[in-house]
PDB file of all heavy atoms in Angstrom:
ATOM      1  N   ALA A   1       6.590   1.654 -12.155  1.00  0.00           N
ATOM      2  CA  ALA A   1       6.819   0.396 -11.449  1.00  0.00           C
ATOM      3  C   ALA A   1       7.185   0.650  -9.985  1.00  0.00           C
ATOM      4  O   ALA A   1       6.752  -0.091  -9.087  1.00  0.00           O
ATOM      5  CB  ALA A   1       7.916  -0.402 -12.150  1.00  0.00           C
ATOM      6  N   TRP A   2       7.969   1.713  -9.728  1.00  0.00           N
ATOM      7  CA  TRP A   2       8.305   2.037  -8.338  1.00  0.00           C
ATOM      8  C   TRP A   2       7.073   2.499  -7.566  1.00  0.00           C
ATOM      9  O   TRP A   2       6.901   2.164  -6.391  1.00  0.00           O
ATOM     10  CB  TRP A   2       9.382   3.124  -8.287  1.00  0.00           C
ATOM     11  CG  TRP A   2      10.775   2.609  -8.474  1.00  0.00           C
ATOM     12  CD1 TRP A   2      11.665   2.946  -9.444  1.00  0.00           C
ATOM     13  CD2 TRP A   2      11.443   1.653  -7.646  1.00  0.00           C
ATOM     14  NE1 TRP A   2      12.833   2.261  -9.292  1.00  0.00           N
ATOM     15  CE2 TRP A   2      12.736   1.456  -8.189  1.00  0.00           C
ATOM     16  CE3 TRP A   2      11.076   0.929  -6.499  1.00  0.00           C
ATOM     17  CZ2 TRP A   2      13.660   0.576  -7.628  1.00  0.00           C
ATOM     18  CZ3 TRP A   2      11.996   0.053  -5.939  1.00  0.00           C
ATOM     19  CH2 TRP A   2      13.268  -0.124  -6.501  1.00  0.00           C
ATOM     20  N   LEU A   3       6.205   3.270  -8.229  1.00  0.00           N
ATOM     21  CA  LEU A   3       4.970   3.704  -7.563  1.00  0.00           C
ATOM     22  C   LEU A   3       4.161   2.501  -7.085  1.00  0.00           C
ATOM     23  O   LEU A   3       3.669   2.476  -5.942  1.00  0.00           O
ATOM     24  CB  LEU A   3       4.127   4.558  -8.522  1.00  0.00           C
ATOM     25  CG  LEU A   3       2.822   5.140  -7.967  1.00  0.00           C
ATOM     26  CD1 LEU A   3       2.514   6.479  -8.632  1.00  0.00           C
ATOM     27  CD2 LEU A   3       1.630   4.214  -8.168  1.00  0.00           C
ATOM     28  N   ASP A   4       4.031   1.495  -7.945  1.00  0.00           N
ATOM     29  CA  ASP A   4       3.243   0.316  -7.567  1.00  0.00           C
ATOM     30  C   ASP A   4       3.969  -0.536  -6.538  1.00  0.00           C
ATOM     31  O   ASP A   4       3.324  -1.186  -5.702  1.00  0.00           O
ATOM     32  CB  ASP A   4       2.897  -0.495  -8.818  1.00  0.00           C
ATOM     33  CG  ASP A   4       1.967   0.273  -9.744  1.00  0.00           C
ATOM     34  OD1 ASP A   4       0.913   0.739  -9.267  1.00  0.00           O
ATOM     35  OD2 ASP A   4       2.281   0.450 -10.925  1.00  0.00           O
ATOM     36  N   THR A   5       5.304  -0.506  -6.568  1.00  0.00           N
ATOM     37  CA  THR A   5       6.071  -1.160  -5.506  1.00  0.00           C
ATOM     38  C   THR A   5       5.763  -0.508  -4.160  1.00  0.00           C
ATOM     39  O   THR A   5       5.539  -1.192  -3.148  1.00  0.00           O
ATOM     40  CB  THR A   5       7.589  -1.051  -5.790  1.00  0.00           C
ATOM     41  OG1 THR A   5       7.875  -1.627  -7.063  1.00  0.00           O
ATOM     42  CG2 THR A   5       8.403  -1.744  -4.706  1.00  0.00           C
ATOM     43  N   ILE A   6       5.757   0.808  -4.153  1.00  0.00           N
ATOM     44  CA  ILE A   6       5.486   1.559  -2.917  1.00  0.00           C
ATOM     45  C   ILE A   6       4.062   1.285  -2.423  1.00  0.00           C
ATOM     46  O   ILE A   6       3.831   1.131  -1.212  1.00  0.00           O
ATOM     47  CB  ILE A   6       5.716   3.065  -3.154  1.00  0.00           C
ATOM     48  CG1 ILE A   6       7.209   3.325  -3.369  1.00  0.00           C
ATOM     49  CG2 ILE A   6       5.172   3.903  -2.004  1.00  0.00           C
ATOM     50  CD1 ILE A   6       7.527   4.677  -3.972  1.00  0.00           C
ATOM     51  N   ARG A   7       3.098   1.214  -3.347  1.00  0.00           N
ATOM     52  CA  ARG A   7       1.716   0.906  -2.919  1.00  0.00           C
ATOM     53  C   ARG A   7       1.646  -0.453  -2.242  1.00  0.00           C
ATOM     54  O   ARG A   7       0.912  -0.644  -1.257  1.00  0.00           O
ATOM     55  CB  ARG A   7       0.768   0.927  -4.119  1.00  0.00           C
ATOM     56  CG  ARG A   7       0.532   2.295  -4.702  1.00  0.00           C
ATOM     57  CD  ARG A   7      -0.677   2.307  -5.630  1.00  0.00           C
ATOM     58  NE  ARG A   7      -0.545   1.324  -6.708  1.00  0.00           N
ATOM     59  CZ  ARG A   7      -1.205   0.173  -6.746  1.00  0.00           C
ATOM     60  NH1 ARG A   7      -2.032  -0.152  -5.773  1.00  0.00           N
ATOM     61  NH2 ARG A   7      -1.033  -0.654  -7.770  1.00  0.00           N
ATOM     62  N   MET A   8       2.403  -1.435  -2.774  1.00  0.00           N
ATOM     63  CA  MET A   8       2.401  -2.767  -2.158  1.00  0.00           C
ATOM     64  C   MET A   8       3.119  -2.734  -0.805  1.00  0.00           C
ATOM     65  O   MET A   8       2.760  -3.493   0.117  1.00  0.00           O
ATOM     66  CB  MET A   8       3.072  -3.776  -3.098  1.00  0.00           C
ATOM     67  CG  MET A   8       2.329  -4.002  -4.415  1.00  0.00           C
ATOM     68  SD  MET A   8       0.587  -4.474  -4.235  1.00  0.00           S
ATOM     69  CE  MET A   8      -0.235  -2.908  -4.564  1.00  0.00           C
ATOM     70  N   MET A   9       4.106  -1.865  -0.659  1.00  0.00           N
ATOM     71  CA  MET A   9       4.751  -1.692   0.652  1.00  0.00           C
ATOM     72  C   MET A   9       3.745  -1.142   1.660  1.00  0.00           C
ATOM     73  O   MET A   9       3.720  -1.568   2.823  1.00  0.00           O
ATOM     74  CB  MET A   9       5.942  -0.741   0.520  1.00  0.00           C
ATOM     75  CG  MET A   9       7.103  -1.309  -0.276  1.00  0.00           C
ATOM     76  SD  MET A   9       8.422  -0.087  -0.586  1.00  0.00           S
ATOM     77  CE  MET A   9       9.072   0.136   1.068  1.00  0.00           C
ATOM     78  N   GLN A  10       2.898  -0.209   1.216  1.00  0.00           N
ATOM     79  CA  GLN A  10       1.863   0.346   2.096  1.00  0.00           C
ATOM     80  C   GLN A  10       0.878  -0.726   2.533  1.00  0.00           C
ATOM     81  O   GLN A  10       0.431  -0.748   3.688  1.00  0.00           O
ATOM     82  CB  GLN A  10       1.131   1.478   1.377  1.00  0.00           C
ATOM     83  CG  GLN A  10       1.982   2.714   1.143  1.00  0.00           C
ATOM     84  CD  GLN A  10       1.301   3.741   0.253  1.00  0.00           C
ATOM     85  OE1 GLN A  10       0.443   3.392  -0.562  1.00  0.00           O
ATOM     86  NE2 GLN A  10       1.703   5.008   0.386  1.00  0.00           N
ATOM     87  N   LYS A  11       0.554  -1.624   1.612  1.00  0.00           N
ATOM     88  CA  LYS A  11      -0.398  -2.687   1.951  1.00  0.00           C
ATOM     89  C   LYS A  11       0.263  -3.838   2.707  1.00  0.00           C
ATOM     90  O   LYS A  11      -0.423  -4.631   3.354  1.00  0.00           O
ATOM     91  CB  LYS A  11      -1.035  -3.236   0.673  1.00  0.00           C
ATOM     92  CG  LYS A  11      -1.931  -2.238  -0.046  1.00  0.00           C
ATOM     93  CD  LYS A  11      -2.637  -2.872  -1.232  1.00  0.00           C
ATOM     94  CE  LYS A  11      -3.577  -1.874  -1.896  1.00  0.00           C
ATOM     95  NZ  LYS A  11      -4.371  -2.470  -2.987  1.00  0.00           N
ATOM     96  N   GLY A  12       1.596  -3.912   2.614  1.00  0.00           N
ATOM     97  CA  GLY A  12       2.292  -5.048   3.223  1.00  0.00           C
ATOM     98  C   GLY A  12       2.855  -4.796   4.598  1.00  0.00           C
ATOM     99  O   GLY A  12       3.586  -5.637   5.125  1.00  0.00           O
ATOM    100  N   GLY A  13       2.555  -3.629   5.174  1.00  0.00           N
ATOM    101  CA  GLY A  13       2.961  -3.394   6.550  1.00  0.00           C
ATOM    102  C   GLY A  13       4.359  -2.833   6.729  1.00  0.00           C
ATOM    103  O   GLY A  13       4.930  -2.920   7.827  1.00  0.00           O
ATOM    104  N   PHE A  14       4.961  -2.271   5.691  1.00  0.00           N
ATOM    105  CA  PHE A  14       6.269  -1.640   5.841  1.00  0.00           C
ATOM    106  C   PHE A  14       6.129  -0.370   6.687  1.00  0.00           C
ATOM    107  O   PHE A  14       5.070   0.260   6.707  1.00  0.00           O
ATOM    108  CB  PHE A  14       6.852  -1.293   4.472  1.00  0.00           C
ATOM    109  CG  PHE A  14       7.482  -2.458   3.754  1.00  0.00           C
ATOM    110  CD1 PHE A  14       6.694  -3.476   3.235  1.00  0.00           C
ATOM    111  CD2 PHE A  14       8.855  -2.539   3.609  1.00  0.00           C
ATOM    112  CE1 PHE A  14       7.260  -4.558   2.577  1.00  0.00           C
ATOM    113  CE2 PHE A  14       9.441  -3.612   2.950  1.00  0.00           C
ATOM    114  CZ  PHE A  14       8.648  -4.627   2.437  1.00  0.00           C
ATOM    115  N   SER A  15       7.227   0.004   7.343  1.00  0.00           N
ATOM    116  CA  SER A  15       7.180   1.202   8.193  1.00  0.00           C
ATOM    117  C   SER A  15       7.056   2.448   7.323  1.00  0.00           C
ATOM    118  O   SER A  15       7.481   2.473   6.171  1.00  0.00           O
ATOM    119  CB  SER A  15       8.446   1.284   9.048  1.00  0.00           C
ATOM    120  OG  SER A  15       9.576   1.558   8.232  1.00  0.00           O
ATOM    121  N   GLN A  16       6.476   3.488   7.901  1.00  0.00           N
ATOM    122  CA  GLN A  16       6.287   4.732   7.169  1.00  0.00           C
ATOM    123  C   GLN A  16       7.623   5.343   6.739  1.00  0.00           C
ATOM    124  O   GLN A  16       7.725   5.959   5.670  1.00  0.00           O
ATOM    125  CB  GLN A  16       5.484   5.734   8.014  1.00  0.00           C
ATOM    126  CG  GLN A  16       5.096   6.997   7.279  1.00  0.00           C
ATOM    127  CD  GLN A  16       4.290   6.721   6.003  1.00  0.00           C
ATOM    128  OE1 GLN A  16       3.418   5.852   5.984  1.00  0.00           O
ATOM    129  NE2 GLN A  16       4.606   7.445   4.921  1.00  0.00           N
ATOM    130  N   SER A  17       8.642   5.160   7.572  1.00  0.00           N
ATOM    131  CA  SER A  17       9.963   5.722   7.224  1.00  0.00           C
ATOM    132  C   SER A  17      10.540   5.025   5.995  1.00  0.00           C
ATOM    133  O   SER A  17      11.144   5.681   5.127  1.00  0.00           O
ATOM    134  CB  SER A  17      10.923   5.592   8.411  1.00  0.00           C
ATOM    135  OG  SER A  17      11.121   4.228   8.752  1.00  0.00           O
ATOM    136  N   GLU A  18      10.367   3.692   5.907  1.00  0.00           N
ATOM    137  CA  GLU A  18      10.847   2.954   4.732  1.00  0.00           C
ATOM    138  C   GLU A  18      10.096   3.392   3.476  1.00  0.00           C
ATOM    139  O   GLU A  18      10.693   3.573   2.408  1.00  0.00           O
ATOM    140  CB  GLU A  18      10.666   1.454   4.940  1.00  0.00           C
ATOM    141  CG  GLU A  18      11.589   0.837   5.966  1.00  0.00           C
ATOM    142  CD  GLU A  18      11.291  -0.635   6.186  1.00  0.00           C
ATOM    143  OE1 GLU A  18      10.164  -0.952   6.618  1.00  0.00           O
ATOM    144  OE2 GLU A  18      12.179  -1.470   5.921  1.00  0.00           O
ATOM    145  N   ILE A  19       8.786   3.546   3.629  1.00  0.00           N
ATOM    146  CA  ILE A  19       7.958   3.947   2.492  1.00  0.00           C
ATOM    147  C   ILE A  19       8.327   5.348   2.029  1.00  0.00           C
ATOM    148  O   ILE A  19       8.498   5.600   0.831  1.00  0.00           O
ATOM    149  CB  ILE A  19       6.460   3.867   2.866  1.00  0.00           C
ATOM    150  CG1 ILE A  19       6.065   2.406   3.110  1.00  0.00           C
ATOM    151  CG2 ILE A  19       5.597   4.499   1.774  1.00  0.00           C
ATOM    152  CD1 ILE A  19       4.684   2.235   3.717  1.00  0.00           C
ATOM    153  N   GLN A  20       8.490   6.279   2.986  1.00  0.00           N
ATOM    154  CA  GLN A  20       8.812   7.662   2.639  1.00  0.00           C
ATOM    155  C   GLN A  20      10.184   7.760   1.978  1.00  0.00           C
ATOM    156  O   GLN A  20      10.388   8.541   1.038  1.00  0.00           O
ATOM    157  CB  GLN A  20       8.757   8.547   3.892  1.00  0.00           C
ATOM    158  CG  GLN A  20       8.822  10.037   3.588  1.00  0.00           C
ATOM    159  CD  GLN A  20       7.681  10.493   2.682  1.00  0.00           C
ATOM    160  OE1 GLN A  20       6.516  10.188   2.911  1.00  0.00           O
ATOM    161  NE2 GLN A  20       8.032  11.200   1.605  1.00  0.00           N
ATOM    162  N   GLN A  21      11.117   6.972   2.467  1.00  0.00           N
ATOM    163  CA  GLN A  21      12.452   6.970   1.865  1.00  0.00           C
ATOM    164  C   GLN A  21      12.383   6.558   0.399  1.00  0.00           C
ATOM    165  O   GLN A  21      13.030   7.166  -0.457  1.00  0.00           O
ATOM    166  CB  GLN A  21      13.374   6.020   2.639  1.00  0.00           C
ATOM    167  CG  GLN A  21      14.792   5.984   2.089  1.00  0.00           C
ATOM    168  CD  GLN A  21      15.678   5.001   2.832  1.00  0.00           C
ATOM    169  OE1 GLN A  21      15.228   4.288   3.726  1.00  0.00           O
ATOM    170  NE2 GLN A  21      16.950   4.957   2.461  1.00  0.00           N
ATOM    171  N   LYS A  22      11.578   5.528   0.112  1.00  0.00           N
ATOM    172  CA  LYS A  22      11.446   5.050  -1.270  1.00  0.00           C
ATOM    173  C   LYS A  22      10.724   6.093  -2.132  1.00  0.00           C
ATOM    174  O   LYS A  22      11.095   6.303  -3.303  1.00  0.00           O
ATOM    175  CB  LYS A  22      10.688   3.724  -1.287  1.00  0.00           C
ATOM    176  CG  LYS A  22      10.806   2.956  -2.583  1.00  0.00           C
ATOM    177  CD  LYS A  22      12.243   2.497  -2.838  1.00  0.00           C
ATOM    178  CE  LYS A  22      12.681   1.394  -1.929  1.00  0.00           C
ATOM    179  NZ  LYS A  22      14.045   0.893  -2.266  1.00  0.00           N
ATOM    180  N   ILE A  23       9.739   6.766  -1.567  1.00  0.00           N
ATOM    181  CA  ILE A  23       9.033   7.827  -2.299  1.00  0.00           C
ATOM    182  C   ILE A  23       9.998   8.945  -2.673  1.00  0.00           C
ATOM    183  O   ILE A  23      10.022   9.413  -3.813  1.00  0.00           O
ATOM    184  CB  ILE A  23       7.858   8.381  -1.456  1.00  0.00           C
ATOM    185  CG1 ILE A  23       6.743   7.335  -1.333  1.00  0.00           C
ATOM    186  CG2 ILE A  23       7.301   9.667  -2.090  1.00  0.00           C
ATOM    187  CD1 ILE A  23       5.635   7.736  -0.367  1.00  0.00           C
ATOM    188  N   ASP A  24      10.813   9.364  -1.709  1.00  0.00           N
ATOM    189  CA  ASP A  24      11.753  10.467  -1.950  1.00  0.00           C
ATOM    190  C   ASP A  24      12.823  10.075  -2.968  1.00  0.00           C
ATOM    191  O   ASP A  24      13.271  10.907  -3.766  1.00  0.00           O
ATOM    192  CB  ASP A  24      12.416  10.890  -0.636  1.00  0.00           C
ATOM    193  CG  ASP A  24      11.415  11.507   0.334  1.00  0.00           C
ATOM    194  OD1 ASP A  24      10.348  11.971  -0.132  1.00  0.00           O
ATOM    195  OD2 ASP A  24      11.683  11.495   1.555  1.00  0.00           O
ATOM    196  N   GLU A  25      13.233   8.828  -2.939  1.00  0.00           N
ATOM    197  CA  GLU A  25      14.307   8.366  -3.833  1.00  0.00           C
ATOM    198  C   GLU A  25      13.835   8.161  -5.272  1.00  0.00           C
ATOM    199  O   GLU A  25      14.562   8.457  -6.219  1.00  0.00           O
ATOM    200  CB  GLU A  25      14.889   7.037  -3.318  1.00  0.00           C
ATOM    201  CG  GLU A  25      15.768   7.149  -2.099  1.00  0.00           C
ATOM    202  CD  GLU A  25      16.256   5.785  -1.635  1.00  0.00           C
ATOM    203  OE1 GLU A  25      15.879   4.760  -2.266  1.00  0.00           O
ATOM    204  OE2 GLU A  25      17.005   5.729  -0.648  1.00  0.00           O
ATOM    205  N   LYS A  26      12.614   7.655  -5.428  1.00  0.00           N
ATOM    206  CA  LYS A  26      12.216   7.096  -6.726  1.00  0.00           C
ATOM    207  C   LYS A  26      11.132   7.875  -7.480  1.00  0.00           C
ATOM    208  O   LYS A  26      11.000   7.697  -8.695  1.00  0.00           O
ATOM    209  CB  LYS A  26      11.729   5.651  -6.544  1.00  0.00           C
ATOM    210  CG  LYS A  26      12.779   4.708  -5.969  1.00  0.00           C
ATOM    211  CD  LYS A  26      13.983   4.567  -6.897  1.00  0.00           C
ATOM    212  CE  LYS A  26      14.999   3.572  -6.377  1.00  0.00           C
ATOM    213  NZ  LYS A  26      16.186   3.473  -7.272  1.00  0.00           N
TER     214      LYS A  26
END
């Protein structure tokens, strides 16, 4: 579920730092 959350962040214009932080955490 977190992986798909992160994919939607990538498509929704979130900053790379926010996305990377979530990848590292989850």
